[in-house]
Amino acid sequence: MSLTFFNKHTLAGRWEMVWAHGTLLAERGRRGYRIQLYDMGDFFAEVWSNPETQIIGLIRGLASKRALEPYTNKINLIDMMCW
């Protein structure tokens, strides 16, 4: 799946793809949102949700390595390696 294909879908469609194919890597908070980072294979996806209502407000695909900077201290690379 490509980032372009992912981003062309509706919020519900992107959530279905994340749920089916994503691997949760890290979680952080910002401005009252819970933001979860998923590995989607060729790109990453962020899922923004309200922790009180569990309503998802935004799902976006990320290709830029700069977009991953907020997660660098939260990801354990050893856990991601296949032994």
N, C-alpha and C. Protein backbone atom coordinates (compact mmCIF):
# COMPACT_ATOMS: atom_id res chain seq x y z
N MET A 1 0.84 -1.17 0.00
CA MET A 1 0.00 0.00 0.00
C MET A 1 0.89 1.23 0.00
N SER A 2 0.50 2.22 -0.76
CA SER A 2 1.29 3.44 -0.84
C SER A 2 0.66 4.54 0.02
N LEU A 3 1.46 5.53 0.33
CA LEU A 3 0.99 6.68 1.09
C LEU A 3 -0.11 7.42 0.32
N THR A 4 0.06 7.57 -0.98
CA THR A 4 -0.93 8.25 -1.80
C THR A 4 -2.27 7.51 -1.76
N PHE A 5 -2.24 6.21 -1.90
CA PHE A 5 -3.46 5.39 -1.82
C PHE A 5 -4.12 5.56 -0.46
N PHE A 6 -3.34 5.51 0.60
CA PHE A 6 -3.85 5.66 1.96
C PHE A 6 -4.53 7.02 2.15
N ASN A 7 -3.87 8.08 1.74
CA ASN A 7 -4.38 9.43 1.97
C ASN A 7 -5.60 9.78 1.12
N LYS A 8 -5.88 9.02 0.07
CA LYS A 8 -7.05 9.28 -0.77
C LYS A 8 -8.34 8.77 -0.14
N HIS A 9 -8.24 7.97 0.89
CA HIS A 9 -9.43 7.38 1.51
C HIS A 9 -10.03 8.30 2.58
N THR A 10 -11.25 8.01 2.92
CA THR A 10 -11.94 8.74 3.98
C THR A 10 -11.30 8.40 5.33
N LEU A 11 -11.69 9.13 6.35
CA LEU A 11 -11.21 8.85 7.70
C LEU A 11 -11.52 7.40 8.09
N ALA A 12 -12.75 6.97 7.81
CA ALA A 12 -13.14 5.59 8.13
C ALA A 12 -12.31 4.58 7.35
N GLY A 13 -12.04 4.86 6.09
CA GLY A 13 -11.22 3.97 5.27
C GLY A 13 -9.79 3.89 5.77
N ARG A 14 -9.23 5.03 6.15
CA ARG A 14 -7.87 5.02 6.69
C ARG A 14 -7.81 4.26 8.00
N TRP A 15 -8.84 4.41 8.85
CA TRP A 15 -8.86 3.67 10.11
C TRP A 15 -8.91 2.16 9.86
N GLU A 16 -9.70 1.73 8.89
CA GLU A 16 -9.76 0.30 8.56
C GLU A 16 -8.40 -0.22 8.13
N MET A 17 -7.66 0.56 7.33
CA MET A 17 -6.33 0.14 6.89
C MET A 17 -5.35 0.09 8.06
N VAL A 18 -5.40 1.08 8.94
CA VAL A 18 -4.52 1.08 10.11
C VAL A 18 -4.83 -0.12 10.98
N TRP A 19 -6.11 -0.37 11.21
CA TRP A 19 -6.53 -1.48 12.07
C TRP A 19 -6.07 -2.83 11.48
N ALA A 20 -6.19 -2.98 10.17
CA ALA A 20 -5.86 -4.24 9.52
C ALA A 20 -4.37 -4.44 9.29
N HIS A 21 -3.63 -3.36 9.01
CA HIS A 21 -2.25 -3.51 8.57
C HIS A 21 -1.21 -2.80 9.43
N GLY A 22 -1.64 -1.96 10.35
CA GLY A 22 -0.70 -1.16 11.13
C GLY A 22 -0.16 -1.87 12.35
N THR A 23 1.03 -1.48 12.74
CA THR A 23 1.65 -1.96 13.97
C THR A 23 1.91 -0.75 14.86
N LEU A 24 1.31 -0.74 16.03
CA LEU A 24 1.48 0.38 16.95
C LEU A 24 2.92 0.47 17.42
N LEU A 25 3.51 1.65 17.26
CA LEU A 25 4.90 1.87 17.65
C LEU A 25 5.04 2.73 18.90
N ALA A 26 4.22 3.77 19.00
CA ALA A 26 4.38 4.72 20.11
C ALA A 26 3.10 5.52 20.28
N GLU A 27 3.03 6.18 21.43
CA GLU A 27 1.88 7.03 21.73
C GLU A 27 2.37 8.27 22.45
N ARG A 28 1.70 9.38 22.18
CA ARG A 28 2.03 10.63 22.85
C ARG A 28 0.76 11.46 23.00
N GLY A 29 0.84 12.51 23.74
CA GLY A 29 -0.29 13.40 23.92
C GLY A 29 0.06 14.80 23.45
N ARG A 30 -0.98 15.50 22.97
CA ARG A 30 -0.78 16.89 22.56
C ARG A 30 -2.14 17.58 22.49
N ARG A 31 -2.23 18.71 23.16
CA ARG A 31 -3.44 19.55 23.13
C ARG A 31 -4.71 18.76 23.42
N GLY A 32 -4.65 17.87 24.36
CA GLY A 32 -5.82 17.10 24.74
C GLY A 32 -6.11 15.89 23.88
N TYR A 33 -5.25 15.60 22.91
CA TYR A 33 -5.43 14.43 22.05
C TYR A 33 -4.45 13.33 22.42
N ARG A 34 -4.86 12.10 22.20
CA ARG A 34 -3.94 10.96 22.25
C ARG A 34 -3.55 10.71 20.80
N ILE A 35 -2.25 10.66 20.54
CA ILE A 35 -1.75 10.47 19.18
C ILE A 35 -0.95 9.18 19.16
N GLN A 36 -1.39 8.25 18.33
CA GLN A 36 -0.72 6.96 18.22
C GLN A 36 -0.03 6.87 16.86
N LEU A 37 1.20 6.37 16.88
CA LEU A 37 2.00 6.21 15.66
C LEU A 37 2.00 4.74 15.27
N TYR A 38 1.64 4.48 14.02
CA TYR A 38 1.61 3.12 13.49
C TYR A 38 2.58 2.97 12.33
N ASP A 39 3.24 1.83 12.27
CA ASP A 39 4.06 1.45 11.11
C ASP A 39 3.13 0.81 10.09
N MET A 40 3.12 1.36 8.89
CA MET A 40 2.25 0.84 7.84
C MET A 40 3.05 0.15 6.73
N GLY A 41 4.30 -0.13 6.99
CA GLY A 41 5.15 -0.78 6.00
C GLY A 41 6.02 0.22 5.28
N ASP A 42 5.46 0.93 4.30
CA ASP A 42 6.22 1.90 3.51
C ASP A 42 6.09 3.32 4.03
N PHE A 43 5.28 3.53 5.05
CA PHE A 43 5.08 4.86 5.64
C PHE A 43 4.55 4.68 7.06
N PHE A 44 4.32 5.78 7.73
CA PHE A 44 3.78 5.75 9.07
C PHE A 44 2.43 6.46 9.08
N ALA A 45 1.60 6.15 10.05
CA ALA A 45 0.30 6.82 10.18
C ALA A 45 0.13 7.27 11.62
N GLU A 46 -0.41 8.47 11.77
CA GLU A 46 -0.78 8.99 13.09
C GLU A 46 -2.30 8.95 13.22
N VAL A 47 -2.76 8.47 14.37
CA VAL A 47 -4.18 8.46 14.68
C VAL A 47 -4.39 9.38 15.87
N TRP A 48 -5.15 10.46 15.66
CA TRP A 48 -5.44 11.45 16.70
C TRP A 48 -6.84 11.16 17.24
N SER A 49 -6.94 10.95 18.54
CA SER A 49 -8.25 10.69 19.14
C SER A 49 -8.39 11.43 20.46
N ASN A 50 -9.65 11.65 20.84
CA ASN A 50 -9.97 12.27 22.12
C ASN A 50 -9.98 11.17 23.16
N PRO A 51 -9.12 11.22 24.17
CA PRO A 51 -9.07 10.13 25.14
C PRO A 51 -10.32 10.01 26.00
N GLU A 52 -11.10 11.06 26.11
CA GLU A 52 -12.32 11.00 26.92
C GLU A 52 -13.47 10.36 26.16
N THR A 53 -13.60 10.68 24.88
CA THR A 53 -14.73 10.18 24.08
C THR A 53 -14.34 9.01 23.18
N GLN A 54 -13.04 8.78 22.99
CA GLN A 54 -12.51 7.76 22.08
C GLN A 54 -12.83 8.04 20.62
N ILE A 55 -13.26 9.27 20.30
CA ILE A 55 -13.58 9.63 18.92
C ILE A 55 -12.30 10.02 18.18
N ILE A 56 -12.12 9.43 17.01
CA ILE A 56 -10.96 9.72 16.17
C ILE A 56 -11.26 10.97 15.36
N GLY A 57 -10.38 11.95 15.47
CA GLY A 57 -10.57 13.21 14.75
C GLY A 57 -9.72 13.35 13.52
N LEU A 58 -8.59 12.61 13.47
CA LEU A 58 -7.65 12.76 12.36
C LEU A 58 -6.82 11.49 12.22
N ILE A 59 -6.62 11.08 10.99
CA ILE A 59 -5.65 10.02 10.68
C ILE A 59 -4.88 10.51 9.49
N ARG A 60 -3.57 10.59 9.64
CA ARG A 60 -2.76 11.08 8.52
C ARG A 60 -1.56 10.18 8.30
N GLY A 61 -1.22 10.02 7.03
CA GLY A 61 -0.04 9.27 6.66
C GLY A 61 1.17 10.18 6.64
N LEU A 62 2.30 9.65 7.06
CA LEU A 62 3.53 10.44 7.17
C LEU A 62 4.66 9.78 6.38
N ALA A 63 5.33 10.57 5.57
CA ALA A 63 6.49 10.07 4.84
C ALA A 63 7.77 10.73 5.33
N SER A 64 7.65 11.91 5.90
CA SER A 64 8.81 12.68 6.32
C SER A 64 9.40 12.13 7.62
N LYS A 65 10.70 12.00 7.65
CA LYS A 65 11.37 11.55 8.87
C LYS A 65 11.28 12.60 9.97
N ARG A 66 11.15 13.87 9.58
CA ARG A 66 10.99 14.94 10.58
C ARG A 66 9.71 14.77 11.38
N ALA A 67 8.69 14.22 10.75
CA ALA A 67 7.41 14.01 11.44
C ALA A 67 7.53 12.98 12.56
N LEU A 68 8.60 12.19 12.53
CA LEU A 68 8.80 11.16 13.55
C LEU A 68 9.54 11.67 14.78
N GLU A 69 10.09 12.88 14.71
CA GLU A 69 10.89 13.41 15.82
C GLU A 69 10.18 13.39 17.17
N PRO A 70 8.88 13.70 17.26
CA PRO A 70 8.23 13.67 18.59
C PRO A 70 8.21 12.29 19.23
N TYR A 71 8.51 11.25 18.46
CA TYR A 71 8.45 9.88 18.96
C TYR A 71 9.81 9.27 19.27
N THR A 72 10.88 9.97 18.95
CA THR A 72 12.20 9.34 19.04
C THR A 72 12.55 8.84 20.44
N ASN A 73 12.07 9.49 21.46
CA ASN A 73 12.38 9.02 22.81
C ASN A 73 11.35 8.02 23.32
N LYS A 74 10.36 7.66 22.51
CA LYS A 74 9.32 6.74 22.94
C LYS A 74 9.39 5.38 22.24
N ILE A 75 10.18 5.27 21.19
CA ILE A 75 10.25 4.04 20.42
C ILE A 75 11.47 3.23 20.85
N ASN A 76 11.24 1.98 21.18
CA ASN A 76 12.33 1.07 21.53
C ASN A 76 12.66 0.26 20.28
N LEU A 77 13.79 0.57 19.67
CA LEU A 77 14.15 -0.10 18.41
C LEU A 77 14.43 -1.58 18.61
N ILE A 78 14.88 -1.98 19.77
CA ILE A 78 15.14 -3.41 20.04
C ILE A 78 13.84 -4.19 19.92
N ASP A 79 12.72 -3.62 20.38
CA ASP A 79 11.44 -4.31 20.28
C ASP A 79 11.00 -4.49 18.84
N MET A 80 11.49 -3.65 17.92
CA MET A 80 11.09 -3.71 16.52
C MET A 80 11.90 -4.72 15.73
N MET A 81 13.00 -5.19 16.26
CA MET A 81 13.87 -6.09 15.52
C MET A 81 13.37 -7.54 15.63
N CYS A 82 13.47 -8.25 14.54
CA CYS A 82 13.12 -9.67 14.52
C CYS A 82 14.38 -10.47 14.83
N TRP A 83 14.32 -11.27 15.85
CA TRP A 83 15.49 -12.08 16.26
C TRP A 83 15.36 -13.47 15.77
